[in-house]
Protein backbone atom coordinates (compact mmCIF):
# COMPACT_ATOMS: atom_id res chain seq x y z
CA UNK A 1 -59.23 50.48 -1.66
CA UNK A 2 -60.26 53.90 -2.67
CA UNK A 3 -60.69 57.13 -1.03
CA UNK A 4 -62.09 60.46 -1.53
CA UNK A 5 -62.63 63.60 1.04
CA UNK A 6 -65.41 63.53 3.71
CA UNK A 7 -68.84 63.47 2.30
CA UNK A 8 -67.94 62.40 -0.92
CA UNK A 9 -67.58 58.57 -0.63
CA UNK A 10 -64.77 56.81 -2.16
CA UNK A 11 -63.67 57.60 -5.21
CA UNK A 12 -61.83 55.26 -8.28
CA UNK A 13 -58.19 55.09 -8.90
CA UNK A 14 -59.41 57.30 -12.55
CA UNK A 15 -60.60 59.76 -10.56
CA UNK A 16 -57.86 59.36 -7.81
CA UNK A 17 -55.30 59.75 -10.53
CA UNK A 18 -56.72 62.77 -11.76
CA UNK A 19 -57.29 64.33 -8.71
CA UNK A 20 -54.39 63.90 -7.00
CA UNK A 21 -52.17 66.64 -5.81
CA UNK A 22 -54.70 68.89 -7.29
CA UNK A 23 -54.67 72.74 -6.35
CA UNK A 24 -58.20 74.09 -5.08
CA UNK A 25 -59.85 75.66 -8.64
CA UNK A 26 -59.16 79.09 -8.80
CA UNK A 27 -60.55 81.35 -11.76
CA UNK A 28 -57.87 82.51 -14.77
CA UNK A 29 -55.60 79.91 -13.52
CA UNK A 30 -55.00 76.73 -15.93
CA UNK A 31 -56.57 73.23 -15.28
CA UNK A 32 -52.82 71.89 -14.90
CA UNK A 33 -50.10 74.23 -14.21
CA UNK A 34 -46.63 74.23 -16.30
CA UNK A 35 -42.97 73.47 -14.73
CA UNK A 36 -41.35 76.37 -12.49
CA UNK A 37 -37.95 76.40 -13.33
CA UNK A 38 -36.05 78.35 -10.54
CA UNK A 39 -32.77 78.22 -8.77
CA UNK A 40 -33.62 81.05 -6.08
CA UNK A 41 -36.22 82.53 -5.32
CA UNK A 42 -37.60 85.78 -4.19
CA UNK A 43 -37.26 86.32 -0.03
CA UNK A 44 -39.57 87.79 1.99
CA UNK A 45 -37.70 87.67 5.08
CA UNK A 46 -34.59 85.80 6.93
CA UNK A 47 -36.57 82.77 8.47
CA UNK A 48 -39.78 81.13 8.01
CA UNK A 49 -41.15 78.52 5.37
CA UNK A 50 -40.27 80.35 1.81
CA UNK A 51 -38.77 78.73 -0.72
CA UNK A 52 -34.92 79.70 -0.50
CA UNK A 53 -32.82 77.97 -2.78
CA UNK A 54 -33.49 75.24 -6.24
CA UNK A 55 -31.94 72.48 -4.63
CA UNK A 56 -34.08 72.46 -1.59
CA UNK A 57 -37.18 72.48 -3.31
CA UNK A 58 -39.64 73.11 -6.10
CA UNK A 59 -43.30 74.01 -6.55
CA UNK A 60 -43.75 71.10 -9.42
CA UNK A 61 -41.99 68.98 -7.26
CA UNK A 62 -44.12 69.94 -4.63
CA UNK A 63 -46.98 69.22 -6.68
CA UNK A 64 -46.23 65.69 -7.68
CA UNK A 65 -45.17 64.44 -4.13
CA UNK A 66 -49.01 65.71 -3.36
CA UNK A 67 -49.86 63.55 -5.83
CA UNK A 68 -47.75 60.45 -5.24
CA UNK A 69 -48.12 61.12 -1.37
CA UNK A 70 -51.93 60.96 -2.03
CA UNK A 71 -51.80 57.41 -3.71
CA UNK A 72 -49.20 55.85 -1.64
CA UNK A 73 -50.90 56.92 1.48
CA UNK A 74 -47.72 58.43 3.03
CA UNK A 75 -45.00 61.64 2.41
CA UNK A 76 -43.38 61.20 -0.95
CA UNK A 77 -40.10 62.52 -1.49
CA UNK A 78 -39.52 62.85 -5.24
CA UNK A 79 -35.64 61.87 -6.77
CA UNK A 80 -33.89 61.88 -10.12
CA UNK A 81 -34.12 58.29 -10.42
CA UNK A 82 -35.35 55.24 -9.10
CA UNK A 83 -31.43 54.29 -8.13
CA UNK A 84 -31.27 57.74 -6.63
CA UNK A 85 -34.41 57.31 -4.72
CA UNK A 86 -33.05 53.63 -3.58
CA UNK A 87 -29.18 55.40 -2.82
CA UNK A 88 -31.29 58.03 -0.21
CA UNK A 89 -33.19 55.57 1.30
CA UNK A 90 -30.73 53.46 2.37
CA UNK A 91 -27.56 56.05 2.94
CA UNK A 92 -30.54 58.04 5.35
CA UNK A 93 -31.04 55.03 6.90
CA UNK A 94 -27.73 52.83 7.46
CA UNK A 95 -24.67 53.11 8.86
CA UNK A 96 -21.52 51.76 9.98
CA UNK A 97 -22.48 48.07 11.45
CA UNK A 98 -25.71 48.10 9.95
CA UNK A 99 -27.33 45.23 8.19
CA UNK A 100 -28.97 46.04 5.11
CA UNK A 101 -31.52 42.44 3.84
CA UNK A 102 -32.49 42.78 0.14
CA UNK A 103 -33.65 40.43 -2.45
CA UNK A 104 -30.93 38.38 -4.22
CA UNK A 105 -33.24 38.32 -7.42
CA UNK A 106 -34.21 42.09 -7.65
CA UNK A 107 -32.93 44.70 -9.67
CA UNK A 108 -29.35 44.07 -10.20
CA UNK A 109 -28.38 47.46 -9.77
CA UNK A 110 -29.25 47.80 -6.22
CA UNK A 111 -27.38 44.76 -5.34
CA UNK A 112 -24.21 46.05 -7.01
CA UNK A 113 -24.72 49.52 -5.04
CA UNK A 114 -25.07 46.97 -1.46
CA UNK A 115 -22.23 44.91 -2.74
CA UNK A 116 -19.64 47.45 -3.87
CA UNK A 117 -20.67 50.85 -2.46
CA UNK A 118 -22.50 49.59 1.15
CA UNK A 119 -20.16 46.91 2.40
CA UNK A 120 -16.70 48.75 2.17
CA UNK A 121 -18.59 51.35 4.80
CA UNK A 122 -19.09 48.87 7.24
CA UNK A 123 -22.66 47.87 5.77
CA UNK A 124 -23.38 44.27 6.53
CA UNK A 125 -25.58 42.96 3.38
CA UNK A 126 -27.62 39.96 3.29
CA UNK A 127 -29.14 38.51 -0.06
CA UNK A 128 -32.16 37.12 0.55
CA UNK A 129 -34.90 35.57 -2.47
CA UNK A 130 -38.01 37.20 -2.97
CA UNK A 131 -40.09 34.37 -2.34
CA UNK A 132 -38.54 33.80 1.38
CA UNK A 133 -37.74 32.17 3.52
CA UNK A 134 -36.63 35.51 5.58
CA UNK A 135 -36.92 34.43 8.87
CA UNK A 136 -33.18 34.22 10.11
CA UNK A 137 -31.70 36.83 7.50
CA UNK A 138 -34.11 39.40 9.72
CA UNK A 139 -32.40 39.07 13.06
CA UNK A 140 -30.03 42.34 13.88
CA UNK A 141 -31.10 43.70 10.74
CA UNK A 142 -31.37 47.63 10.21
CA UNK A 143 -33.28 47.89 6.96
CA UNK A 144 -35.13 45.10 5.05
CA UNK A 145 -35.84 45.73 0.96
CA UNK A 146 -38.20 44.00 -0.80
CA UNK A 147 -38.94 44.08 -4.67
CA UNK A 148 -42.39 42.60 -5.08
CA UNK A 149 -42.94 41.09 -7.60
CA UNK A 150 -39.50 40.74 -8.39
CA UNK A 151 -37.85 41.92 -11.30
CA UNK A 152 -37.39 40.15 -13.63
CA UNK A 153 -38.33 37.47 -12.70
CA UNK A 154 -41.70 38.18 -10.48
CA UNK A 155 -41.62 35.88 -7.73
CA UNK A 156 -43.85 37.70 -4.91
CA UNK A 157 -43.39 38.11 -0.97
CA UNK A 158 -45.84 38.76 1.62
CA UNK A 159 -45.38 42.06 2.54
CA UNK A 160 -47.56 42.19 6.36
CA UNK A 161 -46.02 38.88 6.76
CA UNK A 162 -42.13 40.16 6.34
CA UNK A 163 -42.87 43.52 7.62
CA UNK A 164 -44.85 41.96 11.17
CA UNK A 165 -41.53 39.98 11.59
CA UNK A 166 -39.10 42.77 10.49
CA UNK A 167 -40.56 44.97 13.19
CA UNK A 168 -40.37 42.86 15.92
CA UNK A 169 -36.75 42.21 15.53
CA UNK A 170 -36.01 46.27 15.34
CA UNK A 171 -35.90 46.42 11.56
CA UNK A 172 -37.43 49.07 8.83
CA UNK A 173 -38.83 47.95 5.98
CA UNK A 174 -39.03 49.27 2.27
CA UNK A 175 -40.98 47.72 -0.65
CA UNK A 176 -39.83 48.41 -3.99
CA UNK A 177 -43.04 49.18 -5.88
CA UNK A 178 -41.60 49.76 -9.07
CA UNK A 179 -43.92 46.90 -11.34
CA UNK A 180 -47.11 47.16 -9.34
CA UNK A 181 -47.24 50.68 -8.78
CA UNK A 182 -49.71 52.14 -5.99
CA UNK A 183 -52.72 51.51 -7.83
CA UNK A 184 -51.58 47.92 -7.99
CA UNK A 185 -50.51 47.38 -4.34
CA UNK A 186 -49.99 49.82 -1.50
CA UNK A 187 -47.02 48.62 0.76
CA UNK A 188 -47.82 51.48 3.31
CA UNK A 189 -51.23 49.63 3.77
CA UNK A 190 -49.75 46.78 4.41
CA UNK A 191 -46.97 47.58 7.36
CA UNK A 192 -44.12 48.93 5.19
CA UNK A 193 -42.07 51.72 6.51
CA UNK A 194 -41.22 53.08 2.56
CA UNK A 195 -42.72 52.62 -0.66
CA UNK A 196 -40.22 53.76 -3.54
CA UNK A 197 -40.00 53.16 -6.89
CA UNK A 198 -38.44 53.92 -10.33
CA UNK A 199 -40.97 56.52 -11.94
CA UNK A 200 -39.46 56.20 -15.18
CA UNK A 201 -41.28 53.05 -15.63
CA UNK A 202 -45.33 52.32 -15.11
CA UNK A 203 -45.58 55.52 -12.84
CA UNK A 204 -44.93 58.04 -15.74
CA UNK A 205 -45.24 55.57 -18.69
CA UNK A 206 -44.36 57.68 -21.70
CA UNK A 207 -40.37 56.45 -21.68
CA UNK A 208 -39.31 59.47 -21.90
CA UNK A 209 -38.46 60.64 -18.54
CA UNK A 210 -35.89 59.70 -15.46
CA UNK A 211 -37.40 60.16 -12.00
CA UNK A 212 -38.01 57.98 -8.48
CA UNK A 213 -39.71 58.76 -4.96
CA UNK A 214 -39.72 57.66 -1.71
CA UNK A 215 -43.09 57.47 0.03
CA UNK A 216 -42.97 57.22 4.32
CA UNK A 217 -45.71 56.42 6.51
CA UNK A 218 -43.87 58.16 9.18
CA UNK A 219 -42.88 62.21 8.32
CA UNK A 220 -40.03 62.01 10.55
CA UNK A 221 -38.62 59.09 8.28
CA UNK A 222 -39.52 61.10 4.84
CA UNK A 223 -37.68 64.12 6.95
CA UNK A 224 -34.50 62.40 6.94
CA UNK A 225 -35.05 60.72 3.48
CA UNK A 226 -35.29 64.49 2.27
CA UNK A 227 -32.65 66.03 4.14
CA UNK A 228 -30.57 63.40 2.59
CA UNK A 229 -31.51 64.75 -1.00
CA UNK A 230 -31.49 68.30 -0.07
CA UNK A 231 -27.63 67.52 1.06
CA UNK A 232 -26.01 65.15 -1.65
CA UNK A 233 -28.01 67.00 -4.33
CA UNK A 234 -29.73 64.14 -5.96
CA UNK A 235 -32.72 66.09 -6.89
CA UNK A 236 -34.70 65.74 -10.28
CA UNK A 237 -35.32 68.85 -12.85
CA UNK A 238 -38.78 70.40 -12.73
CA UNK A 239 -39.59 69.69 -16.51
CA UNK A 240 -39.32 66.11 -15.76
CA UNK A 241 -41.38 66.11 -12.59
CA UNK A 242 -44.08 68.12 -14.49
CA UNK A 243 -43.72 65.95 -17.04
CA UNK A 244 -44.52 62.43 -14.52
CA UNK A 245 -47.12 64.75 -12.93
CA UNK A 246 -49.01 65.09 -16.36
CA UNK A 247 -48.33 61.86 -17.27
CA UNK A 248 -50.04 60.63 -13.59
CA UNK A 249 -53.90 61.22 -14.74
CA UNK A 250 -53.52 58.66 -17.44
CA UNK A 251 -52.23 55.86 -15.01
CA UNK A 252 -55.33 54.27 -14.29
CA UNK A 253 -56.02 53.57 -18.39
CA UNK A 254 -52.72 52.68 -19.46
CA UNK A 255 -52.44 50.18 -16.34
CA UNK A 256 -55.68 48.79 -17.25
CA UNK A 257 -54.73 48.20 -21.14
CA UNK A 258 -51.63 46.65 -19.91
CA UNK A 259 -52.97 44.14 -17.43
CA UNK A 260 -55.48 43.22 -20.04
CA UNK A 261 -52.91 42.84 -22.27
CA UNK A 262 -50.40 41.18 -19.95
CA UNK A 263 -52.46 38.31 -19.03
CA UNK A 264 -53.86 37.71 -22.55
CA UNK A 265 -49.67 37.06 -23.82
CA UNK A 266 -49.49 34.99 -21.12
CA UNK A 267 -52.12 32.98 -21.37
CA UNK A 268 -50.68 32.74 -25.28
CA UNK A 269 -47.23 31.77 -24.15
CA UNK A 270 -48.51 28.77 -21.88
CA UNK A 271 -49.41 27.16 -25.13
CA UNK A 272 -46.77 27.54 -27.34
CA UNK A 273 -44.24 24.76 -27.44
CA UNK A 274 -41.12 26.86 -27.17
CA UNK A 275 -41.90 28.79 -24.61
CA UNK A 276 -41.06 28.04 -21.03
CA UNK A 277 -41.13 28.80 -17.64
CA UNK A 278 -43.81 31.33 -18.18
CA UNK A 279 -44.66 33.69 -15.15
CA UNK A 280 -47.29 36.18 -14.45
CA UNK A 281 -49.05 37.02 -10.90
CA UNK A 282 -51.80 37.00 -12.98
CA UNK A 283 -52.11 33.48 -13.92
CA UNK A 284 -54.06 31.29 -11.85
CA UNK A 285 -51.50 28.61 -12.06
CA UNK A 286 -48.70 30.71 -11.26
CA UNK A 287 -47.18 30.22 -7.91
CA UNK A 288 -46.99 34.06 -6.75
CA UNK A 289 -51.01 33.68 -7.48
CA UNK A 290 -52.50 33.37 -4.52
CA UNK A 291 -50.41 35.77 -2.36
CA UNK A 292 -50.38 38.20 -5.04
CA UNK A 293 -54.54 37.89 -5.17
CA UNK A 294 -54.24 38.81 -1.89
CA UNK A 295 -52.11 41.73 -1.34
CA UNK A 296 -52.47 43.54 -5.12
CA UNK A 297 -54.76 45.38 -6.87
CA UNK A 298 -53.75 44.48 -10.44
CA UNK A 299 -50.96 42.04 -11.53
CA UNK A 300 -49.54 44.82 -13.58
CA UNK A 301 -48.16 45.48 -17.23
CA UNK A 302 -44.85 42.83 -17.12
CA UNK A 303 -44.35 38.89 -18.25
CA UNK A 304 -41.16 36.65 -17.99
CA UNK A 305 -40.67 33.54 -19.92
CA UNK A 306 -37.88 31.57 -21.44
CA UNK A 307 -37.51 31.17 -24.95
CA UNK A 308 -34.62 28.41 -26.40
CA UNK A 309 -31.74 30.56 -26.89
CA UNK A 310 -30.49 34.17 -27.42
CA UNK A 311 -30.37 33.53 -31.43
CA UNK A 312 -33.96 32.56 -30.86
CA UNK A 313 -35.04 35.86 -29.28
CA UNK A 314 -33.05 37.86 -32.00
CA UNK A 315 -34.85 35.99 -34.77
CA UNK A 316 -38.07 36.52 -33.07
CA UNK A 317 -37.56 40.55 -32.37
CA UNK A 318 -36.67 40.63 -36.11
CA UNK A 319 -39.71 39.09 -37.32
CA UNK A 320 -41.77 41.30 -34.76
CA UNK A 321 -43.64 44.37 -36.08
CA UNK A 322 -45.17 45.53 -32.52
CA UNK A 323 -42.44 44.18 -30.03
CA UNK A 324 -38.76 46.08 -30.21
CA UNK A 325 -35.86 45.35 -28.07
CA UNK A 326 -35.51 47.60 -25.35
CA UNK A 327 -34.76 47.79 -21.48
CA UNK A 328 -36.81 49.20 -18.78
CA UNK A 329 -41.03 48.96 -19.04
CA UNK A 330 -44.21 50.35 -18.29
CA UNK A 331 -44.11 52.30 -21.27
CA UNK A 332 -46.85 52.38 -23.96
CA UNK A 333 -45.20 50.34 -26.25
CA UNK A 334 -44.56 46.57 -25.93
CA UNK A 335 -41.03 45.94 -25.90
CA UNK A 336 -38.63 42.49 -25.11
CA UNK A 337 -35.28 42.68 -23.26
CA UNK A 338 -33.39 39.49 -23.14
CA UNK A 339 -31.98 39.90 -19.30
CA UNK A 340 -28.54 37.99 -19.50
CA UNK A 341 -27.00 39.88 -22.00
CA UNK A 342 -26.72 42.52 -18.78
CA UNK A 343 -24.60 39.94 -16.95
CA UNK A 344 -26.41 41.06 -13.47
CA UNK A 345 -29.10 38.32 -13.35
CA UNK A 346 -28.68 34.49 -12.64
CA UNK A 347 -31.33 33.44 -16.12
CA UNK A 348 -31.29 31.36 -18.89
CA UNK A 349 -29.88 33.07 -21.83
CA UNK A 350 -33.27 33.02 -23.31
CA UNK A 351 -34.83 33.96 -20.21
CA UNK A 352 -36.64 37.45 -21.34
CA UNK A 353 -38.92 39.94 -19.66
CA UNK A 354 -41.43 41.35 -21.75
CA UNK A 355 -43.46 44.72 -20.98
CA UNK A 356 -46.38 44.86 -22.22
CA UNK A 357 -47.94 48.78 -24.02
CA UNK A 358 -50.94 50.10 -24.60
CA UNK A 359 -51.88 48.32 -28.13
CA UNK A 360 -54.76 46.31 -28.78
CA UNK A 361 -54.78 43.40 -27.14
CA UNK A 362 -55.17 41.51 -30.34
CA UNK A 363 -52.72 42.60 -32.13
CA UNK A 364 -50.13 42.02 -29.73
CA UNK A 365 -51.06 38.13 -29.84
CA UNK A 366 -51.34 37.92 -33.18
CA UNK A 367 -48.15 39.74 -33.53
CA UNK A 368 -46.32 37.15 -30.90
CA UNK A 369 -47.70 34.01 -33.19
CA UNK A 370 -45.96 35.42 -36.19
CA UNK A 371 -42.65 36.29 -34.84
CA UNK A 372 -42.25 32.89 -32.72
CA UNK A 373 -43.24 30.79 -35.91
CA UNK A 374 -40.55 32.68 -37.67
CA UNK A 375 -38.41 32.22 -35.28
CA UNK A 376 -38.50 28.59 -34.88
CA UNK A 377 -37.87 28.15 -39.13
CA UNK A 378 -34.52 28.51 -39.43
């Protein structure tokens, strides 16, 4: 879906990410302002909407929040990292006696936070696979967190259907939209109450900062999250926020190349005898393809698969000229992360999450062919 100002007609994604959050042009002002580095501000009165102190707000945060809010379709609150955003959402909404439902195959640190820190506070934690079924687990829930496509297995769930069921039972719904980004999927339009992400990854896309955000369809819910950020001090640095805002303008271009690369690599891996369990929502034969096609506008730049074992992964990486071993995903450089090494995911030793960058497609496929051949020669 594209959006534009009245009278202009719909605008494409490339235009939207460049224009998102931009102030009206003024003669003598820069096209893109730099970061505002400030703790206290000059006061013009004892009361009113003036900026007071840097833990409460910052002009650079506000610019980034406006931009992401336009893309998400809701009011946005920026945080110092993706996990800070998750924590802020949980603690702004949940109280002792509440029930939290979250994906058993989603990001393991979110699960660890719920198990080790929320459970002792009297919050009941229920884990459900991304692909469901979710039905019974939603009864009595206060907050349902979905992650679709899930990290790292790339399963997909029906946001609209889960949101409708959850709302009927009195629950709020949040979607971790890190893998898809707002250009790939708009959870708030699909009925979710919150869309959140680690902006460290594809949204900023240059592997040089930590950042996260929570967007809410209801301004009152956004205000609760914002108040928690202010009081907890879980705030981002203005420079990091400015870097993310600067990077947002190329999001459309980066995602297009990454998705092109991901589909080509996934197709290549399907034909390799040493590779099993290839997952990419953009593959017509993927179990999630039909649902992903219905609710996603782009399929992202992440592919997962299983190689024979950990040693095979190491040999392949040693032979590769373009893929490097690194965790996180969504950057310009193509990377491989063997997830079993971290101990948080129920995956095989040779399971890898491949993040496709913005290199030339043919070069990546050729490099993978060389790396897999070399890894198979012992």
